[in-house]
Amino acid sequence: MEEKKKILIIEDDTTLRLILKEALQKENDFEVWDAEDGATALEDIEKFSPDLALIDINIPKIDGLTLARIMEDKKLTDKTKILFLTNSSDISKIATASSIKGVLGYLIKSDWDISSIVEQIKTKLK
């Protein structure tokens, strides 16, 4: 039996974080954790080595782009891939995000519904 893919959701909006977590847990092939800030997320990434970190760019303590850079510097992106999920459509942030090793994509929240986000995650983790 194939091991479940591990996902860490890093999102400071509690409602969205819990909705995403529930939606992903309904998929039998995902094991899901969540964090509301970058500092907690970094600890979880180092501890659990998830397959994917779903990162909001605007999170407290360590913002999403800085978190991704730290992950890259520590070679954590060799194991944990990154998918940004944010409301920011700032071209410079998108460019920065895209330049980080291990980034699979950048989804703007307002462009996607929950089921579409889940489908994107499933596609990216194949």
N, C-alpha and C. Protein backbone atom coordinates (compact mmCIF):
# COMPACT_ATOMS: atom_id res chain seq x y z
N MET A 1 0.84 -1.19 0.00
CA MET A 1 0.00 0.00 0.00
C MET A 1 0.88 1.25 0.00
N GLU A 2 0.56 2.18 -0.86
CA GLU A 2 1.35 3.40 -0.98
C GLU A 2 1.15 4.30 0.23
N GLU A 3 2.24 4.91 0.67
CA GLU A 3 2.18 5.82 1.81
C GLU A 3 1.40 7.08 1.46
N LYS A 4 0.65 7.58 2.42
CA LYS A 4 -0.13 8.79 2.19
C LYS A 4 0.79 9.99 1.97
N LYS A 5 0.41 10.84 1.04
CA LYS A 5 1.14 12.09 0.83
C LYS A 5 0.84 13.01 2.01
N LYS A 6 1.88 13.70 2.49
CA LYS A 6 1.73 14.59 3.63
C LYS A 6 1.70 16.04 3.15
N ILE A 7 0.71 16.78 3.66
CA ILE A 7 0.53 18.18 3.28
C ILE A 7 0.48 19.03 4.53
N LEU A 8 1.17 20.16 4.49
CA LEU A 8 1.09 21.15 5.56
C LEU A 8 0.46 22.41 4.98
N ILE A 9 -0.66 22.83 5.57
CA ILE A 9 -1.34 24.05 5.16
C ILE A 9 -0.87 25.17 6.08
N ILE A 10 -0.32 26.23 5.51
CA ILE A 10 0.15 27.37 6.30
C ILE A 10 -0.69 28.57 5.89
N GLU A 11 -1.64 28.90 6.75
CA GLU A 11 -2.65 29.92 6.44
C GLU A 11 -3.11 30.54 7.75
N ASP A 12 -3.10 31.88 7.82
CA ASP A 12 -3.50 32.54 9.06
C ASP A 12 -5.01 32.75 9.18
N ASP A 13 -5.75 32.61 8.10
CA ASP A 13 -7.20 32.70 8.13
C ASP A 13 -7.72 31.34 8.63
N THR A 14 -8.15 31.31 9.88
CA THR A 14 -8.55 30.05 10.52
C THR A 14 -9.64 29.32 9.74
N THR A 15 -10.65 30.05 9.30
CA THR A 15 -11.75 29.42 8.58
C THR A 15 -11.26 28.75 7.30
N LEU A 16 -10.51 29.47 6.50
CA LEU A 16 -10.00 28.91 5.25
C LEU A 16 -9.08 27.73 5.53
N ARG A 17 -8.21 27.87 6.52
CA ARG A 17 -7.27 26.81 6.86
C ARG A 17 -8.03 25.53 7.22
N LEU A 18 -9.06 25.64 8.04
CA LEU A 18 -9.80 24.46 8.46
C LEU A 18 -10.65 23.86 7.33
N ILE A 19 -11.20 24.71 6.48
CA ILE A 19 -11.96 24.22 5.32
C ILE A 19 -11.03 23.45 4.38
N LEU A 20 -9.86 24.01 4.10
CA LEU A 20 -8.89 23.32 3.24
C LEU A 20 -8.45 22.00 3.87
N LYS A 21 -8.18 22.04 5.16
CA LYS A 21 -7.74 20.83 5.86
C LYS A 21 -8.80 19.74 5.76
N GLU A 22 -10.04 20.10 6.02
CA GLU A 22 -11.13 19.13 5.95
C GLU A 22 -11.29 18.58 4.53
N ALA A 23 -11.23 19.47 3.54
CA ALA A 23 -11.37 19.05 2.15
C ALA A 23 -10.25 18.08 1.75
N LEU A 24 -9.04 18.36 2.18
CA LEU A 24 -7.91 17.50 1.83
C LEU A 24 -7.93 16.18 2.60
N GLN A 25 -8.44 16.21 3.84
CA GLN A 25 -8.50 14.98 4.63
C GLN A 25 -9.55 14.02 4.08
N LYS A 26 -10.53 14.55 3.35
CA LYS A 26 -11.52 13.67 2.73
C LYS A 26 -10.88 12.80 1.66
N GLU A 27 -9.75 13.26 1.15
CA GLU A 27 -9.00 12.48 0.17
C GLU A 27 -8.17 11.46 0.95
N ASN A 28 -8.40 10.18 0.71
CA ASN A 28 -7.75 9.13 1.48
C ASN A 28 -6.23 9.09 1.33
N ASP A 29 -5.71 9.71 0.29
CA ASP A 29 -4.27 9.63 0.08
C ASP A 29 -3.50 10.81 0.66
N PHE A 30 -4.14 11.62 1.51
CA PHE A 30 -3.47 12.77 2.12
C PHE A 30 -3.51 12.70 3.64
N GLU A 31 -2.36 13.01 4.24
CA GLU A 31 -2.26 13.22 5.67
C GLU A 31 -2.01 14.72 5.82
N VAL A 32 -2.82 15.43 6.60
CA VAL A 32 -2.79 16.89 6.58
C VAL A 32 -2.54 17.47 7.98
N TRP A 33 -1.60 18.44 8.02
CA TRP A 33 -1.35 19.24 9.21
C TRP A 33 -1.62 20.69 8.84
N ASP A 34 -1.71 21.53 9.85
CA ASP A 34 -1.88 22.95 9.55
C ASP A 34 -1.12 23.80 10.55
N ALA A 35 -0.78 25.01 10.10
CA ALA A 35 -0.08 25.98 10.92
C ALA A 35 -0.60 27.36 10.56
N GLU A 36 -0.63 28.26 11.55
CA GLU A 36 -1.16 29.60 11.28
C GLU A 36 -0.09 30.65 11.10
N ASP A 37 1.19 30.26 11.27
CA ASP A 37 2.26 31.24 11.09
C ASP A 37 3.51 30.54 10.56
N GLY A 38 4.42 31.33 10.03
CA GLY A 38 5.61 30.80 9.42
C GLY A 38 6.58 30.13 10.37
N ALA A 39 6.67 30.61 11.60
CA ALA A 39 7.60 30.03 12.57
C ALA A 39 7.16 28.61 12.95
N THR A 40 5.88 28.46 13.24
CA THR A 40 5.34 27.13 13.57
C THR A 40 5.48 26.21 12.36
N ALA A 41 5.19 26.74 11.18
CA ALA A 41 5.28 25.94 9.96
C ALA A 41 6.70 25.42 9.74
N LEU A 42 7.70 26.26 9.95
CA LEU A 42 9.09 25.83 9.76
C LEU A 42 9.42 24.66 10.69
N GLU A 43 9.00 24.76 11.94
CA GLU A 43 9.22 23.66 12.90
C GLU A 43 8.55 22.38 12.39
N ASP A 44 7.31 22.51 11.91
CA ASP A 44 6.56 21.34 11.42
C ASP A 44 7.21 20.74 10.18
N ILE A 45 7.71 21.58 9.29
CA ILE A 45 8.36 21.10 8.07
C ILE A 45 9.62 20.32 8.44
N GLU A 46 10.40 20.86 9.36
CA GLU A 46 11.63 20.17 9.78
C GLU A 46 11.30 18.86 10.50
N LYS A 47 10.21 18.82 11.23
CA LYS A 47 9.83 17.66 12.02
C LYS A 47 9.16 16.56 11.18
N PHE A 48 8.23 16.95 10.28
CA PHE A 48 7.40 15.98 9.57
C PHE A 48 7.79 15.75 8.11
N SER A 49 8.60 16.61 7.52
CA SER A 49 8.98 16.51 6.11
C SER A 49 7.78 16.24 5.20
N PRO A 50 6.83 17.18 5.17
CA PRO A 50 5.67 16.96 4.30
C PRO A 50 6.09 16.94 2.83
N ASP A 51 5.24 16.33 2.01
CA ASP A 51 5.50 16.31 0.57
C ASP A 51 5.20 17.67 -0.05
N LEU A 52 4.23 18.39 0.55
CA LEU A 52 3.82 19.68 0.03
C LEU A 52 3.53 20.65 1.16
N ALA A 53 4.01 21.88 1.01
CA ALA A 53 3.64 22.97 1.91
C ALA A 53 2.78 23.93 1.09
N LEU A 54 1.54 24.09 1.50
CA LEU A 54 0.62 25.04 0.87
C LEU A 54 0.74 26.32 1.68
N ILE A 55 1.40 27.34 1.12
CA ILE A 55 1.81 28.51 1.88
C ILE A 55 1.10 29.78 1.42
N ASP A 56 0.47 30.47 2.37
CA ASP A 56 -0.05 31.81 2.13
C ASP A 56 1.15 32.76 2.26
N ILE A 57 1.25 33.72 1.39
CA ILE A 57 2.39 34.64 1.44
C ILE A 57 2.32 35.57 2.65
N ASN A 58 1.13 36.06 2.96
CA ASN A 58 0.97 37.02 4.06
C ASN A 58 0.55 36.31 5.34
N ILE A 59 1.55 35.73 6.03
CA ILE A 59 1.31 35.06 7.30
C ILE A 59 2.19 35.70 8.36
N PRO A 60 1.79 35.58 9.63
CA PRO A 60 2.57 36.21 10.71
C PRO A 60 3.88 35.48 11.02
N LYS A 61 4.71 36.17 11.79
CA LYS A 61 6.00 35.73 12.32
C LYS A 61 7.07 35.60 11.24
N ILE A 62 6.88 34.72 10.28
CA ILE A 62 7.77 34.62 9.12
C ILE A 62 6.84 34.60 7.91
N ASP A 63 6.95 35.60 7.03
CA ASP A 63 6.04 35.63 5.87
C ASP A 63 6.35 34.47 4.93
N GLY A 64 5.40 34.17 4.05
CA GLY A 64 5.51 33.00 3.19
C GLY A 64 6.72 32.98 2.28
N LEU A 65 7.07 34.12 1.70
CA LEU A 65 8.25 34.16 0.81
C LEU A 65 9.53 33.92 1.60
N THR A 66 9.63 34.51 2.78
CA THR A 66 10.81 34.30 3.63
C THR A 66 10.88 32.85 4.08
N LEU A 67 9.74 32.28 4.44
CA LEU A 67 9.68 30.88 4.83
C LEU A 67 10.19 29.99 3.69
N ALA A 68 9.74 30.26 2.49
CA ALA A 68 10.17 29.47 1.34
C ALA A 68 11.67 29.61 1.10
N ARG A 69 12.21 30.82 1.26
CA ARG A 69 13.67 31.03 1.11
C ARG A 69 14.45 30.26 2.18
N ILE A 70 13.94 30.28 3.41
CA ILE A 70 14.60 29.52 4.49
C ILE A 70 14.57 28.03 4.15
N MET A 71 13.43 27.57 3.67
CA MET A 71 13.31 26.16 3.28
C MET A 71 14.33 25.82 2.19
N GLU A 72 14.45 26.72 1.22
CA GLU A 72 15.41 26.51 0.13
C GLU A 72 16.84 26.48 0.67
N ASP A 73 17.19 27.44 1.54
CA ASP A 73 18.54 27.52 2.11
C ASP A 73 18.89 26.28 2.93
N LYS A 74 17.89 25.73 3.63
CA LYS A 74 18.11 24.55 4.47
C LYS A 74 17.95 23.24 3.68
N LYS A 75 17.74 23.38 2.37
CA LYS A 75 17.55 22.24 1.47
C LYS A 75 16.29 21.43 1.80
N LEU A 76 15.34 22.05 2.47
CA LEU A 76 14.08 21.39 2.80
C LEU A 76 13.20 21.22 1.56
N THR A 77 13.43 22.05 0.54
CA THR A 77 12.63 21.96 -0.68
C THR A 77 13.04 20.75 -1.53
N ASP A 78 14.12 20.06 -1.15
CA ASP A 78 14.47 18.81 -1.84
C ASP A 78 13.37 17.77 -1.60
N LYS A 79 12.76 17.81 -0.42
CA LYS A 79 11.69 16.87 -0.05
C LYS A 79 10.31 17.53 -0.10
N THR A 80 10.21 18.75 0.44
CA THR A 80 8.93 19.43 0.56
C THR A 80 8.76 20.45 -0.56
N LYS A 81 7.84 20.18 -1.45
CA LYS A 81 7.53 21.11 -2.53
C LYS A 81 6.59 22.20 -2.00
N ILE A 82 6.53 23.31 -2.70
CA ILE A 82 5.77 24.47 -2.25
C ILE A 82 4.73 24.85 -3.29
N LEU A 83 3.53 25.13 -2.81
CA LEU A 83 2.48 25.70 -3.63
C LEU A 83 1.98 26.92 -2.88
N PHE A 84 2.15 28.10 -3.48
CA PHE A 84 1.69 29.32 -2.83
C PHE A 84 0.20 29.50 -3.09
N LEU A 85 -0.53 29.88 -2.05
CA LEU A 85 -1.95 30.18 -2.15
C LEU A 85 -2.13 31.52 -1.46
N THR A 86 -2.49 32.54 -2.22
CA THR A 86 -2.51 33.88 -1.65
C THR A 86 -3.53 34.77 -2.36
N ASN A 87 -3.79 35.92 -1.78
CA ASN A 87 -4.64 36.92 -2.43
C ASN A 87 -3.80 37.94 -3.17
N SER A 88 -2.50 37.87 -3.04
CA SER A 88 -1.62 38.84 -3.67
C SER A 88 -1.42 38.52 -5.15
N SER A 89 -1.72 39.48 -6.00
CA SER A 89 -1.45 39.31 -7.43
C SER A 89 -0.28 40.20 -7.85
N ASP A 90 0.51 40.62 -6.86
CA ASP A 90 1.69 41.46 -7.08
C ASP A 90 2.70 40.70 -7.95
N ILE A 91 2.97 41.23 -9.11
CA ILE A 91 3.85 40.58 -10.09
C ILE A 91 5.25 40.32 -9.51
N SER A 92 5.77 41.25 -8.71
CA SER A 92 7.11 41.05 -8.15
C SER A 92 7.10 39.89 -7.15
N LYS A 93 6.02 39.72 -6.39
CA LYS A 93 5.93 38.59 -5.46
C LYS A 93 5.81 37.28 -6.22
N ILE A 94 5.05 37.29 -7.30
CA ILE A 94 4.91 36.09 -8.12
C ILE A 94 6.27 35.70 -8.71
N ALA A 95 7.01 36.69 -9.19
CA ALA A 95 8.34 36.43 -9.76
C ALA A 95 9.28 35.88 -8.70
N THR A 96 9.27 36.49 -7.52
CA THR A 96 10.11 36.02 -6.42
C THR A 96 9.74 34.59 -6.05
N ALA A 97 8.44 34.34 -5.89
CA ALA A 97 7.96 33.01 -5.53
C ALA A 97 8.39 31.97 -6.56
N SER A 98 8.30 32.33 -7.82
CA SER A 98 8.63 31.40 -8.90
C SER A 98 10.11 31.08 -8.98
N SER A 99 10.95 31.94 -8.42
CA SER A 99 12.40 31.73 -8.49
C SER A 99 12.93 30.80 -7.39
N ILE A 100 12.09 30.44 -6.46
CA ILE A 100 12.52 29.61 -5.33
C ILE A 100 12.46 28.14 -5.73
N LYS A 101 13.54 27.42 -5.44
CA LYS A 101 13.61 26.00 -5.77
C LYS A 101 12.48 25.26 -5.05
N GLY A 102 11.80 24.39 -5.78
CA GLY A 102 10.77 23.56 -5.17
C GLY A 102 9.36 24.12 -5.27
N VAL A 103 9.23 25.33 -5.84
CA VAL A 103 7.90 25.93 -5.98
C VAL A 103 7.20 25.32 -7.19
N LEU A 104 6.02 24.76 -6.94
CA LEU A 104 5.24 24.12 -8.00
C LEU A 104 4.25 25.07 -8.65
N GLY A 105 3.94 26.18 -7.97
CA GLY A 105 2.98 27.11 -8.54
C GLY A 105 2.54 28.17 -7.55
N TYR A 106 1.64 28.99 -8.05
CA TYR A 106 1.18 30.17 -7.33
C TYR A 106 -0.30 30.33 -7.65
N LEU A 107 -1.18 30.08 -6.69
CA LEU A 107 -2.61 30.19 -6.91
C LEU A 107 -3.16 31.42 -6.18
N ILE A 108 -3.92 32.23 -6.88
CA ILE A 108 -4.56 33.39 -6.26
C ILE A 108 -5.91 32.92 -5.74
N LYS A 109 -6.12 33.06 -4.43
CA LYS A 109 -7.31 32.53 -3.75
C LYS A 109 -8.61 32.90 -4.44
N SER A 110 -8.74 34.14 -4.83
CA SER A 110 -10.01 34.59 -5.41
C SER A 110 -10.30 33.95 -6.77
N ASP A 111 -9.28 33.34 -7.39
CA ASP A 111 -9.47 32.70 -8.69
C ASP A 111 -9.91 31.24 -8.59
N TRP A 112 -9.92 30.68 -7.37
CA TRP A 112 -10.15 29.25 -7.19
C TRP A 112 -11.18 29.00 -6.09
N ASP A 113 -11.97 27.92 -6.26
CA ASP A 113 -12.81 27.47 -5.15
C ASP A 113 -12.09 26.29 -4.49
N ILE A 114 -12.59 25.84 -3.35
CA ILE A 114 -11.90 24.82 -2.57
C ILE A 114 -11.69 23.53 -3.37
N SER A 115 -12.72 23.07 -4.06
CA SER A 115 -12.56 21.82 -4.81
C SER A 115 -11.52 21.95 -5.92
N SER A 116 -11.42 23.11 -6.53
CA SER A 116 -10.41 23.34 -7.56
C SER A 116 -9.00 23.36 -6.96
N ILE A 117 -8.87 23.92 -5.77
CA ILE A 117 -7.58 23.93 -5.09
C ILE A 117 -7.16 22.49 -4.77
N VAL A 118 -8.11 21.69 -4.26
CA VAL A 118 -7.82 20.29 -3.97
C VAL A 118 -7.38 19.55 -5.23
N GLU A 119 -8.05 19.79 -6.34
CA GLU A 119 -7.68 19.15 -7.60
C GLU A 119 -6.29 19.58 -8.05
N GLN A 120 -5.96 20.86 -7.89
CA GLN A 120 -4.62 21.35 -8.23
C GLN A 120 -3.56 20.64 -7.39
N ILE A 121 -3.84 20.48 -6.11
CA ILE A 121 -2.89 19.80 -5.20
C ILE A 121 -2.71 18.34 -5.63
N LYS A 122 -3.80 17.67 -5.92
CA LYS A 122 -3.71 16.27 -6.34
C LYS A 122 -2.88 16.15 -7.62
N THR A 123 -3.08 17.06 -8.55
CA THR A 123 -2.34 17.06 -9.80
C THR A 123 -0.85 17.30 -9.55
N LYS A 124 -0.55 18.27 -8.70
CA LYS A 124 0.86 18.63 -8.44
C LYS A 124 1.60 17.51 -7.71
N LEU A 125 0.90 16.71 -6.91
CA LEU A 125 1.56 15.67 -6.12
C LEU A 125 1.67 14.32 -6.83
N LYS A 126 1.21 14.22 -8.05
CA LYS A 126 1.30 12.95 -8.78
C LYS A 126 2.71 12.68 -9.21
